Structure formats: structure tokens, C-alpha cells
Amino acid sequence: MTRRNVIVIMSDEHDPRIMGCAGHAFVKTPHLDALAARGVRFTDAYTPSPICVPARAAFATGLRVHQTRHWDNAMPYVGDPRGWGHVLQRQGIRVESIGKLHYRAEEDPAGFDKEHIPMHVLGGHGMVWASIRDPYISSPSGKRMLGEYIGAGESHYTAYDREVTGRAVDWIHDAGTRPDEPFVLYIGLVAPHFPLVAPEEFFALYSSEVMPEPKLQPASGYQRHPWVQAYADFMDNEGEFKSPEERRQAFVAYYALCSFLDHNVGRITQALCDAGLEGDTTLVYTSDHGDNLGTRGLWGKSTLYQESVRVPMVVAGPGVQPGVCETPVDLLDLFPTILQGVGMDPAPEMQDRPGRSLLELGAAPAEPERVVFSEYHAAGSNTAGFMVRKGRYKFHYYVRHRPELFDLVADPEELADLASDPAHADVLRAMELELRAICDPEAVDALAKADQLRMIERLGGVQVASRMGAGGATPVPQEVLSAAEPG
């Protein structure tokens, strides 16, 4: 029997432009570049939602956020609706995870035979305080989201990624001794997610003196869209830097964390080769969402702009012809990809799932008109935001606010909003029709808020909920808390 395996490596908060293979001018990602060179890199890959828990629930199930109703970081996945892992389990295929999942709890039947050192939401409930919306409230922690210290060093997150990588390497070597046991292994790495603390050897690769200044700075006169301004007011990371030099160090740390991530990916791909599994294994690299990284004066995710809503997507393995694919894709496409990767026909499992296998999309002529969709109902938003990408145009619909429209061919940096341009009125109407063919945005906004309110009331009301959940990065599992402290 010919074995067919799949490994999915998912990082956290990685803007896909920050890879050498994507044409970045100076970032050092040799292992991701090598993976892309022997596989297909999808240039226009998106997240179903630019925040961790909803994106990861969508990834698990192959369903959109408004279908699963995992709206925010306080509504973690518990195994319902059933996901690709459950399909594999029914077929008797070994399926395990190592690292960050950001589901509810290890005890939940989330579709893995075993979860190794999983990072789940804090306390099984996550950031409940951020589910209080319209009006939203600010973090109860009083701590800076990006980390109290920014610079070179070690954090709980870098220690966690080292442990995850080490366990993944050992797991792969063991799998190589089982020639007749196909598997799917999910590996969840945290970098380059804040805190912005990077190991010295990677921090030293970059200089704060040559960091490019991000575009569209409010300090230089740029005016944010009102929905985006509300998020900036909610999480003013730009205003919390202690000095201009610390701000420059934040950029260095993010790039360094991308190189640290790359180093860990390299250890995993080398293990796959050493174990003799490279020729039998489809390997996917992706992330849950991107990072604004100072653009528009914003840090973290949670917006619908390219920096935040796009993800890296590279697929390599047996039968994959190297190249670049410009068909728009998203994390929902991994559901059929994983099933096809182990030799299954995904069609009977798709039902109302919109995804298509990346193995097929990557081998076919580009489909630039394919519609991809993202939505946001979480921290710092009083109303829902929706994104539709089709062809050259990208459309943002904000409930109770004016829309945005960008021509990504003429304006890939989203510098010029065309929504109020009479010459693009027909395009604007057509893009809204594409959105409404997927969902009723006002109805979905109301549903999300109703679900969030019920959760808040179930937990004891607004006063109790306002104190529940981490104010920043989710803590690592207890067994790796002995890792180096930041500083």
C-alpha cells in the first residue's frame, strides 16, 4: 500500500509579504523560500476572519464564521460542527496535533487522536471582555498588547515554539519507522505573534536603522476609515511605545520572529527528509491571519486590509508541480486539500462547504474571478466588517459605516479608496451583490451580537464578563512555563 501523509504547519500573525519568496527586499526566510521553490505558492490567500479563534474554527470545519458562529476569541471550537479531523478519524487515519490550536480544551473531541502540548484559550473561555460590543470596552489588564518588553531575548512564546518544533521533529522521526501507517499531523507555531521579543541570533540579522516606515501614517495626515478608527481607539499600540527607538525595535523584532519561524520550519522539513517521508507527504505552510505591522498606525490584526487579512499559503509534495498560483484561496480550502492529500475523495464531505482543494487549484489555470470572503465580529468593533475579493477589486462592507473599494491591480497597497468615485459605482454595486449572495450582513451582525450577549449573560453579566480573559497574548501551556522570561 502506498502511504499518503499530510503535514500542516500553521504560524500565527504572519503577513505573507514578509518572505523572501514573496519578493521581500531583505527578510531572511531561506527555508520557507526552499519550500515554495519545490511547491506552489498561492499569491492571494486569505483568512476567513482576521483574528485567531474564528479563523481557526473555520479552518477546522471548512465553514465560514457566520456558519459556525465562532464569532470572537471567547467562542472557541469544541468539535462542533465536525471538521476534517473527524473525517480522518472515521477512516482510521492517524491524526494528531502539536502546538497552538486555540480551541477550548484538550478534552473536547476536536478531531485529533492526541493533542501534544496544545495551547488553548485561557480558562476554556478566552477573551470574554472583548465580546462586549456596541459599545465595546477596553482591556481590563492595563498591560501593553505587544508586550511589556520589546527587543532581543526569549519569551514564553519563543520557548514554546522551540518545544513544539522539537516534539514535531521527534514525532516525524517516529512516523518514519511506521511505513504502513499514513498520518495527518498539524503543527501550530506561534511566531511571529507578539510579544515582540525575538532570540538574539535572529534579532541580530536586522538593523533598526534601515527599517522602512509603514505607509499611511496618521501622524503625517492620513485619516482612517471610521470603523478602523474605532479599532485604533480600542487598541492604541502605536501610542504606547516608550520611545521612537523602541518603535523601531518592534519592527526588527517582528522580522526577527519571521526568521525564527523560518528556522523552525526548516527543522521540520529537514526531519521529514531525514525520516524518508518527503516523497510521501503533502506539506502545507500557512498562518491564521496577518499583521498590520504599523501600517495606518495599527499593530496586530483585526482589519480587512491586505496586511491583516491575507495569509501565506504554500503547498509542496508528491505530484505538486512547482510554481505560483494567482487564484484567490483561503483557509477553507484546506479542508478538501487535507482529505485529498491522504488519498480520499473530498466531494462527499463538502456539502455546503465552499472550499476547493489546493492540489487541484494549484495545478489548474488561474481563476482570478474566484470570490473569497472574510468577516470580523470581534475585539474593537462595534459593528461587523465584511470583505469580498473578486478579480482586481476588493470590497469592504462595514455595518452602519460607508464601504471601501480598492483596485488591487492599479493600487496593490490600498492607498486610494474608490467607493465614492462615480466611475466605480457599478463595480461597487456588483461587489455588494457578491457579498449579499454569501450572507445578509446586517442579519449576520445582529446574530453575532445576540450570541455574544447570551454568552455574557450566561457567565454572569457585563460586570463579570468585563474581567474575564487575557488582556493580550494567550498564556502557553503550564508545562513550558519554565522557559526564559522576556527581557
Protein backbone atom coordinates (compact mmCIF):
# COMPACT_ATOMS: atom_id res chain seq x y z
CA MET A 1 0.00 0.00 0.00
CA THR A 2 1.32 3.48 -0.90
CA ARG A 3 1.20 5.71 2.13
CA ARG A 4 -0.13 9.25 1.76
CA ASN A 5 0.58 11.74 4.55
CA VAL A 6 -0.18 15.40 5.19
CA ILE A 7 1.56 17.90 7.48
CA VAL A 8 0.02 21.33 8.04
CA ILE A 9 2.23 23.96 9.67
CA MET A 10 0.25 26.98 10.81
CA SER A 11 2.03 30.01 12.21
CA ASP A 12 0.31 32.97 13.83
CA GLU A 13 0.08 36.53 12.51
CA HIS A 14 2.40 36.17 9.51
CA ASP A 15 1.94 38.75 6.76
CA PRO A 16 2.67 36.75 3.57
CA ARG A 17 4.62 39.59 2.04
CA ILE A 18 7.33 39.08 4.64
CA MET A 19 9.00 36.12 2.97
CA GLY A 20 11.88 36.13 0.54
CA CYS A 21 9.91 34.01 -1.93
CA ALA A 22 7.22 36.72 -1.97
CA GLY A 23 9.78 39.25 -3.15
CA HIS A 24 10.55 40.97 0.14
CA ALA A 25 13.66 43.11 -0.11
CA PHE A 26 15.57 42.00 2.97
CA VAL A 27 13.75 39.48 5.20
CA LYS A 28 15.65 36.20 5.61
CA THR A 29 13.39 33.14 5.23
CA PRO A 30 15.53 30.58 3.39
CA HIS A 31 13.58 27.51 4.47
CA LEU A 32 10.17 28.90 3.50
CA ASP A 33 11.75 30.02 0.22
CA ALA A 34 13.04 26.49 -0.39
CA LEU A 35 9.61 25.04 0.39
CA ALA A 36 7.99 27.45 -2.06
CA ALA A 37 10.60 26.59 -4.70
CA ARG A 38 9.56 22.93 -4.66
CA GLY A 39 5.84 23.63 -4.29
CA VAL A 40 3.06 26.02 -5.24
CA ARG A 41 2.85 29.42 -3.58
CA PHE A 42 -0.59 31.00 -3.67
CA THR A 43 -0.14 34.75 -4.01
CA ASP A 44 -3.66 35.71 -2.93
CA ALA A 45 -4.56 33.62 0.10
CA TYR A 46 -6.91 34.98 2.77
CA THR A 47 -8.18 34.21 6.24
CA PRO A 48 -11.91 33.68 6.89
CA SER A 49 -11.54 36.16 9.77
CA PRO A 50 -8.54 38.29 10.83
CA ILE A 51 -8.46 37.07 14.43
CA CYS A 52 -7.32 33.77 15.91
CA VAL A 53 -10.28 31.79 17.23
CA PRO A 54 -12.80 32.40 14.42
CA ALA A 55 -10.14 31.77 11.77
CA ARG A 56 -9.09 28.52 13.41
CA ALA A 57 -12.64 27.25 13.84
CA ALA A 58 -13.23 27.97 10.14
CA PHE A 59 -10.00 26.14 9.27
CA ALA A 60 -11.09 23.12 11.34
CA THR A 61 -14.57 22.88 9.84
CA GLY A 62 -14.22 24.25 6.31
CA LEU A 63 -17.16 26.56 7.07
CA ARG A 64 -17.42 30.34 7.20
CA VAL A 65 -17.51 32.14 10.52
CA HIS A 66 -21.20 33.04 10.25
CA GLN A 67 -21.91 29.36 9.60
CA THR A 68 -20.01 28.05 12.63
CA ARG A 69 -20.91 31.07 14.84
CA HIS A 70 -17.48 31.16 16.44
CA TRP A 71 -17.53 34.95 16.36
CA ASP A 72 -14.62 36.02 18.50
CA ASN A 73 -11.82 34.91 20.82
CA ALA A 74 -14.29 33.92 23.54
CA MET A 75 -16.11 31.39 21.37
CA PRO A 76 -13.56 28.59 20.84
CA TYR A 77 -14.04 25.45 18.81
CA VAL A 78 -15.19 22.39 20.78
CA GLY A 79 -15.56 19.90 17.92
CA ASP A 80 -18.92 21.02 16.55
CA PRO A 81 -19.53 21.34 13.63
CA ARG A 82 -17.45 18.33 12.73
CA GLY A 83 -14.23 19.02 10.87
CA TRP A 84 -11.66 17.36 8.65
CA GLY A 85 -10.11 15.67 11.66
CA HIS A 86 -13.33 13.81 12.38
CA VAL A 87 -13.49 12.63 8.77
CA LEU A 88 -9.96 11.26 9.07
CA GLN A 89 -10.78 9.54 12.35
CA ARG A 90 -13.76 7.80 10.77
CA GLN A 91 -11.41 6.49 8.08
CA GLY A 92 -8.96 5.18 10.66
CA ILE A 93 -6.20 7.61 9.65
CA ARG A 94 -3.87 8.72 12.42
CA VAL A 95 -4.40 12.43 13.08
CA GLU A 96 -2.58 14.36 15.81
CA SER A 97 -1.64 17.93 16.68
CA ILE A 98 1.42 19.53 18.24
CA GLY A 99 1.27 23.13 19.43
CA LYS A 100 -1.18 26.00 19.24
CA LEU A 101 -4.78 25.22 18.32
CA HIS A 102 -6.66 27.94 20.24
CA TYR A 103 -9.70 25.71 20.69
CA ARG A 104 -11.46 25.33 24.06
CA ALA A 105 -9.85 22.40 25.86
CA GLU A 106 -7.79 19.28 25.28
CA GLU A 107 -10.69 17.14 26.49
CA ASP A 108 -13.02 18.24 23.69
CA PRO A 109 -13.49 15.89 20.71
CA ALA A 110 -11.93 18.33 18.24
CA GLY A 111 -10.83 15.77 15.66
CA PHE A 112 -7.39 14.72 16.92
CA ASP A 113 -6.40 11.34 18.30
CA LYS A 114 -3.95 13.19 20.54
CA GLU A 115 -3.09 16.84 21.17
CA HIS A 116 0.54 17.37 22.20
CA ILE A 117 1.19 20.47 24.38
CA PRO A 118 -1.85 22.27 22.93
CA MET A 119 -2.27 25.98 23.52
CA HIS A 120 -5.96 26.67 24.02
CA VAL A 121 -7.87 29.79 25.05
CA LEU A 122 -7.32 30.90 28.63
CA GLY A 123 -9.57 29.10 31.11
CA GLY A 124 -11.60 27.48 28.35
CA HIS A 125 -13.43 30.78 27.80
CA GLY A 126 -10.91 33.14 26.23
CA MET A 127 -11.28 36.93 25.90
CA VAL A 128 -14.85 37.33 27.15
CA TRP A 129 -14.34 41.03 27.89
CA ALA A 130 -13.77 41.65 24.17
CA SER A 131 -17.18 40.12 23.38
CA ILE A 132 -18.80 43.18 24.95
CA ARG A 133 -19.55 45.27 21.87
CA ASP A 134 -21.63 48.22 20.74
CA PRO A 135 -20.17 49.84 22.71
CA TYR A 136 -17.00 47.87 23.24
CA ILE A 137 -14.83 48.20 26.34
CA SER A 138 -11.05 48.35 26.69
CA SER A 139 -8.78 45.63 28.05
CA PRO A 140 -9.02 45.13 31.82
CA SER A 141 -5.37 44.12 32.15
CA GLY A 142 -3.74 47.51 31.78
CA LYS A 143 -0.85 45.76 30.03
CA ARG A 144 0.53 46.68 26.64
CA MET A 145 -0.69 44.23 23.99
CA LEU A 146 2.63 43.98 22.14
CA GLY A 147 4.45 43.07 25.37
CA GLU A 148 5.93 44.96 28.29
CA TYR A 149 9.40 44.47 26.81
CA ILE A 150 10.24 44.76 23.09
CA GLY A 151 13.61 43.67 21.73
CA ALA A 152 16.10 40.82 21.72
CA GLY A 153 15.67 37.94 24.14
CA GLU A 154 13.50 34.97 24.93
CA SER A 155 9.82 34.84 25.83
CA HIS A 156 7.40 32.12 26.80
CA TYR A 157 6.34 32.11 23.16
CA THR A 158 9.82 31.51 21.75
CA ALA A 159 10.35 28.77 24.33
CA TYR A 160 7.02 27.25 23.34
CA ASP A 161 7.87 27.27 19.63
CA ARG A 162 11.19 25.57 20.36
CA GLU A 163 9.39 22.87 22.32
CA VAL A 164 6.70 22.45 19.64
CA THR A 165 9.35 22.16 16.95
CA GLY A 166 11.39 19.66 18.93
CA ARG A 167 8.39 17.47 19.56
CA ALA A 168 7.37 17.69 15.89
CA VAL A 169 10.85 16.59 14.81
CA ASP A 170 10.71 13.59 17.18
CA TRP A 171 7.16 12.74 16.05
CA ILE A 172 8.18 12.78 12.38
CA HIS A 173 11.23 10.60 13.01
CA ASP A 174 8.99 8.10 14.81
CA ALA A 175 6.47 8.19 11.95
CA GLY A 176 9.29 7.24 9.59
CA THR A 177 9.61 3.93 11.41
CA ARG A 178 5.96 3.06 10.65
CA PRO A 179 5.93 2.57 6.88
CA ASP A 180 2.35 1.31 6.67
CA GLU A 181 0.66 3.93 8.87
CA PRO A 182 -0.46 7.06 6.99
CA PHE A 183 -0.98 10.19 9.07
CA VAL A 184 -2.05 13.80 9.19
CA LEU A 185 -0.02 15.98 11.56
CA TYR A 186 -0.98 19.55 12.42
CA ILE A 187 1.84 21.73 13.85
CA GLY A 188 0.87 25.05 15.43
CA LEU A 189 3.70 27.58 15.83
CA VAL A 190 3.16 30.96 17.49
CA ALA A 191 5.78 33.23 15.90
CA PRO A 192 5.67 35.96 14.69
CA HIS A 193 2.77 36.74 17.07
CA PHE A 194 3.55 39.29 19.79
CA PRO A 195 5.13 39.71 22.35
CA LEU A 196 7.71 41.31 20.11
CA VAL A 197 10.69 39.56 21.67
CA ALA A 198 12.98 37.62 19.33
CA PRO A 199 16.01 35.42 20.03
CA GLU A 200 19.27 37.33 19.76
CA GLU A 201 20.66 35.32 16.83
CA PHE A 202 17.67 36.32 14.70
CA PHE A 203 17.32 39.84 16.11
CA ALA A 204 20.93 40.45 15.07
CA LEU A 205 20.05 39.79 11.43
CA TYR A 206 18.33 43.18 11.17
CA SER A 207 19.09 46.80 11.95
CA SER A 208 16.56 49.26 13.33
CA GLU A 209 18.25 51.99 11.30
CA VAL A 210 17.08 50.56 7.96
CA MET A 211 13.52 49.60 8.87
CA PRO A 212 11.10 51.05 6.26
CA GLU A 213 8.47 53.43 7.58
CA PRO A 214 4.98 51.97 7.08
CA LYS A 215 2.55 53.69 4.73
CA LEU A 216 -0.45 55.84 5.62
CA GLN A 217 0.61 57.25 8.97
CA PRO A 218 -1.99 59.31 10.86
CA ALA A 219 0.88 61.38 12.24
CA SER A 220 1.50 62.51 8.66
CA GLY A 221 -2.12 63.41 7.97
CA TYR A 222 -3.71 60.11 6.94
CA GLN A 223 -7.32 59.79 8.10
CA ARG A 224 -8.53 56.30 8.98
CA HIS A 225 -11.92 54.96 7.97
CA PRO A 226 -14.32 55.47 10.94
CA TRP A 227 -14.70 51.71 11.58
CA VAL A 228 -10.92 51.35 11.57
CA GLN A 229 -10.52 54.44 13.76
CA ALA A 230 -12.73 52.78 16.36
CA TYR A 231 -10.39 49.80 16.41
CA ALA A 232 -7.38 52.12 16.72
CA ASP A 233 -9.04 53.85 19.67
CA PHE A 234 -9.69 50.46 21.24
CA MET A 235 -6.10 49.23 20.88
CA ASP A 236 -3.70 52.17 20.63
CA ASN A 237 -0.48 50.22 20.27
CA GLU A 238 1.13 52.99 18.23
CA GLY A 239 0.67 55.43 21.08
CA GLU A 240 2.11 53.09 23.72
CA PHE A 241 5.69 52.85 22.51
CA LYS A 242 8.09 54.24 25.09
CA SER A 243 10.30 55.94 22.52
CA PRO A 244 10.93 56.20 18.77
CA GLU A 245 13.78 53.71 19.18
CA GLU A 246 11.51 51.15 20.87
CA ARG A 247 9.10 51.54 17.96
CA ARG A 248 11.96 50.78 15.54
CA GLN A 249 12.89 47.79 17.68
CA ALA A 250 9.33 46.49 17.28
CA PHE A 251 9.81 46.24 13.52
CA VAL A 252 13.14 44.48 13.99
CA ALA A 253 11.55 42.02 16.42
CA TYR A 254 8.76 41.14 14.00
CA TYR A 255 11.18 40.48 11.14
CA ALA A 256 13.39 38.51 13.52
CA LEU A 257 10.44 36.41 14.64
CA CYS A 258 9.69 35.66 10.98
CA SER A 259 13.27 34.38 10.63
CA PHE A 260 12.91 32.40 13.88
CA LEU A 261 9.71 30.89 12.49
CA ASP A 262 11.56 30.07 9.28
CA HIS A 263 14.31 28.33 11.27
CA ASN A 264 11.71 26.12 12.95
CA VAL A 265 10.05 25.32 9.64
CA GLY A 266 13.48 24.31 8.37
CA ARG A 267 13.96 21.90 11.27
CA ILE A 268 10.60 20.30 10.47
CA THR A 269 11.25 19.97 6.74
CA GLN A 270 14.70 18.51 7.42
CA ALA A 271 13.16 15.96 9.77
CA LEU A 272 10.71 14.98 7.06
CA CYS A 273 13.59 14.41 4.67
CA ASP A 274 15.69 12.54 7.25
CA ALA A 275 12.76 10.25 8.06
CA GLY A 276 12.38 9.32 4.39
CA LEU A 277 8.87 10.79 4.26
CA GLU A 278 9.36 13.77 1.94
CA GLY A 279 8.27 11.84 -1.15
CA ASP A 280 5.08 10.58 0.51
CA THR A 281 3.92 13.70 2.34
CA THR A 282 1.99 16.78 1.25
CA LEU A 283 3.28 19.71 3.31
CA VAL A 284 1.25 22.90 3.75
CA TYR A 285 2.55 26.11 5.30
CA THR A 286 0.08 28.83 6.22
CA SER A 287 -0.93 31.24 9.02
CA ASP A 288 -4.21 32.12 10.71
CA HIS A 289 -4.07 35.80 9.64
CA GLY A 290 -1.59 38.59 9.01
CA ASP A 291 -0.38 41.65 10.93
CA ASN A 292 -0.77 45.36 10.21
CA LEU A 293 2.79 45.98 11.48
CA GLY A 294 2.42 49.72 11.88
CA THR A 295 0.55 50.35 8.64
CA ARG A 296 -2.10 53.05 9.19
CA GLY A 297 -0.67 53.31 12.70
CA LEU A 298 -2.07 49.87 13.55
CA TRP A 299 -0.44 46.77 15.04
CA GLY A 300 -1.81 43.24 15.27
CA LYS A 301 -4.66 42.03 13.11
CA SER A 302 -8.42 42.78 13.17
CA THR A 303 -8.74 44.85 9.99
CA LEU A 304 -9.77 43.89 6.46
CA TYR A 305 -6.72 45.40 4.76
CA GLN A 306 -4.24 43.20 2.92
CA GLU A 307 -1.65 43.25 5.72
CA SER A 308 -4.12 41.77 8.19
CA VAL A 309 -6.49 39.62 6.13
CA ARG A 310 -4.02 37.83 3.86
CA VAL A 311 -2.06 34.71 4.81
CA PRO A 312 0.87 32.79 3.36
CA MET A 313 -0.10 29.58 1.56
CA VAL A 314 2.49 27.15 0.22
CA VAL A 315 1.76 23.53 -0.74
CA ALA A 316 4.50 21.05 -1.65
CA GLY A 317 4.61 17.30 -2.00
CA PRO A 318 4.20 14.34 -4.33
CA GLY A 319 2.68 15.31 -7.67
CA VAL A 320 2.80 19.05 -6.95
CA GLN A 321 4.38 20.93 -9.83
CA PRO A 322 6.40 23.92 -8.58
CA GLY A 323 5.07 27.34 -9.46
CA VAL A 324 2.99 30.31 -8.42
CA CYS A 325 -0.82 30.33 -8.46
CA GLU A 326 -2.78 33.58 -8.62
CA THR A 327 -6.20 32.03 -7.98
CA PRO A 328 -7.59 33.58 -4.76
CA VAL A 329 -7.83 30.97 -2.00
CA ASP A 330 -8.44 30.86 1.74
CA LEU A 331 -8.10 28.62 4.80
CA LEU A 332 -11.40 26.90 4.00
CA ASP A 333 -9.68 25.31 1.01
CA LEU A 334 -7.53 23.26 3.38
CA PHE A 335 -10.49 21.01 4.31
CA PRO A 336 -10.64 19.29 0.89
CA THR A 337 -6.86 19.65 0.45
CA ILE A 338 -6.12 17.58 3.55
CA LEU A 339 -8.61 14.89 2.57
CA GLN A 340 -7.29 14.69 -0.98
CA GLY A 341 -3.74 14.68 0.37
CA VAL A 342 -4.32 11.34 2.12
CA GLY A 343 -5.97 9.87 -0.97
CA MET A 344 -9.63 10.47 -0.15
CA ASP A 345 -12.28 11.92 -2.41
CA PRO A 346 -13.38 15.07 -0.53
CA ALA A 347 -16.60 15.57 -2.52
CA PRO A 348 -18.94 13.54 -0.24
CA GLU A 349 -17.82 15.61 2.77
CA MET A 350 -18.15 19.08 1.26
CA GLN A 351 -21.94 19.67 1.39
CA ASP A 352 -22.26 23.45 1.96
CA ARG A 353 -18.54 23.95 2.44
CA PRO A 354 -17.21 26.41 -0.16
CA GLY A 355 -13.60 25.20 -0.24
CA ARG A 356 -11.78 23.57 -3.14
CA SER A 357 -8.62 21.50 -3.00
CA LEU A 358 -5.43 23.50 -3.35
CA LEU A 359 -3.88 20.46 -5.04
CA GLU A 360 -6.37 20.92 -7.87
CA LEU A 361 -6.39 24.73 -7.90
CA GLY A 362 -2.60 24.87 -7.96
CA ALA A 363 -2.44 22.56 -10.98
CA ALA A 364 -5.16 24.34 -12.99
CA PRO A 365 -5.13 27.62 -14.94
CA ALA A 366 -5.59 30.66 -12.70
CA GLU A 367 -9.15 31.69 -11.82
CA PRO A 368 -8.75 35.38 -10.91
CA GLU A 369 -12.52 35.90 -10.64
CA ARG A 370 -12.89 33.35 -7.85
CA VAL A 371 -14.59 35.04 -4.88
CA VAL A 372 -13.03 34.92 -1.43
CA PHE A 373 -14.67 36.26 1.69
CA SER A 374 -13.71 37.32 5.19
CA GLU A 375 -15.62 38.75 8.15
CA TYR A 376 -14.94 40.27 11.57
CA HIS A 377 -17.16 40.42 14.66
CA ALA A 378 -14.62 40.66 17.45
CA ALA A 379 -12.47 42.89 19.64
CA GLY A 380 -12.64 46.61 18.93
CA SER A 381 -15.57 46.51 16.52
CA ASN A 382 -19.00 47.84 17.37
CA THR A 383 -20.40 46.50 14.11
CA ALA A 384 -19.42 43.74 11.70
CA GLY A 385 -16.95 44.17 8.87
CA PHE A 386 -17.01 42.06 5.70
CA MET A 387 -14.55 41.67 2.84
CA VAL A 388 -15.09 40.35 -0.68
CA ARG A 389 -12.23 39.86 -3.11
CA LYS A 390 -13.11 39.22 -6.75
CA GLY A 391 -10.76 39.77 -9.65
CA ARG A 392 -8.93 43.05 -9.38
CA TYR A 393 -11.32 44.52 -6.81
CA LYS A 394 -11.51 44.24 -3.05
CA PHE A 395 -14.63 45.45 -1.23
CA HIS A 396 -15.08 46.23 2.46
CA TYR A 397 -18.60 46.50 3.88
CA TYR A 398 -18.98 47.91 7.39
CA VAL A 399 -22.41 47.78 9.02
CA ARG A 400 -23.51 51.37 9.86
CA HIS A 401 -20.48 52.82 8.03
CA ARG A 402 -19.54 53.68 4.46
CA PRO A 403 -17.85 50.96 2.38
CA GLU A 404 -14.37 50.87 0.87
CA LEU A 405 -13.35 49.69 -2.60
CA PHE A 406 -9.83 49.08 -3.86
CA ASP A 407 -8.41 48.18 -7.27
CA LEU A 408 -5.59 45.81 -6.33
CA VAL A 409 -4.13 45.79 -9.83
CA ALA A 410 -3.71 49.55 -10.09
CA ASP A 411 -3.33 50.06 -6.34
CA PRO A 412 -1.96 46.96 -4.57
CA GLU A 413 -1.15 48.96 -1.43
CA GLU A 414 -4.78 50.09 -0.98
CA LEU A 415 -3.87 53.76 -0.99
CA ALA A 416 -6.95 55.03 -2.87
CA ASP A 417 -10.48 54.19 -1.76
CA LEU A 418 -12.72 54.19 -4.87
CA ALA A 419 -16.05 53.67 -3.10
CA SER A 420 -17.18 57.26 -3.60
CA ASP A 421 -15.89 57.52 -7.18
CA PRO A 422 -18.86 57.73 -9.61
CA ALA A 423 -16.80 55.93 -12.24
CA HIS A 424 -16.78 52.84 -9.99
CA ALA A 425 -20.44 52.94 -8.92
CA ASP A 426 -21.28 49.84 -10.97
CA VAL A 427 -18.35 47.93 -9.56
CA LEU A 428 -19.38 48.92 -6.04
CA ARG A 429 -22.92 47.64 -6.60
CA ALA A 430 -21.65 44.41 -8.15
CA MET A 431 -19.33 43.74 -5.23
CA GLU A 432 -22.11 44.32 -2.72
CA LEU A 433 -24.26 41.84 -4.64
CA GLU A 434 -21.42 39.30 -4.32
CA LEU A 435 -21.42 39.90 -0.57
CA ARG A 436 -25.19 39.52 -0.26
CA ALA A 437 -25.05 36.29 -2.27
CA ILE A 438 -22.98 34.91 0.61
CA CYS A 439 -24.82 36.46 3.56
CA ASP A 440 -27.07 39.28 4.74
CA PRO A 441 -24.51 41.47 6.54
CA GLU A 442 -27.00 43.22 8.81
CA ALA A 443 -28.63 39.94 9.80
CA VAL A 444 -25.25 38.33 10.50
CA ASP A 445 -24.19 41.36 12.57
CA ALA A 446 -27.36 41.04 14.66
CA LEU A 447 -26.88 37.29 15.07
CA ALA A 448 -23.30 37.70 16.26
CA LYS A 449 -24.28 40.30 18.84
CA ALA A 450 -27.20 38.19 20.07
CA ASP A 451 -24.93 35.16 20.52
CA GLN A 452 -22.34 37.27 22.33
CA LEU A 453 -24.96 38.80 24.61
CA ARG A 454 -26.35 35.37 25.53
CA MET A 455 -22.85 34.19 26.40
CA ILE A 456 -22.21 37.27 28.54
CA GLU A 457 -25.49 36.81 30.40
CA ARG A 458 -24.79 33.10 30.91
CA LEU A 459 -21.44 33.95 32.50
CA GLY A 460 -22.96 36.41 34.95
CA GLY A 461 -23.50 39.65 33.09
CA VAL A 462 -21.41 42.53 31.79
CA GLN A 463 -19.61 43.27 35.06
CA VAL A 464 -18.38 39.70 35.42
CA ALA A 465 -17.61 39.33 31.71
CA SER A 466 -15.61 42.55 31.65
CA ARG A 467 -12.98 40.90 33.87
CA MET A 468 -12.76 37.56 32.08
CA GLY A 469 -9.93 36.66 29.75
CA ALA A 470 -6.36 37.58 28.94
CA GLY A 471 -5.67 41.19 28.01
CA GLY A 472 -3.06 40.24 25.46
CA ALA A 473 -1.32 37.09 24.27
CA THR A 474 -2.73 33.75 25.43
CA PRO A 475 -0.51 32.04 28.04
CA VAL A 476 1.50 29.00 26.98
CA PRO A 477 0.71 25.57 28.48
CA GLN A 478 1.83 25.09 32.06
CA GLU A 479 4.48 22.52 31.20
CA VAL A 480 6.54 25.02 29.23
CA LEU A 481 6.23 27.95 31.66
CA SER A 482 9.81 27.33 32.81
CA ALA A 483 11.01 28.89 29.54
CA ALA A 484 13.06 32.09 29.53
CA GLU A 485 11.31 35.24 30.68
CA PRO A 486 11.27 38.28 28.37
CA GLY A 487 13.98 40.81 28.96
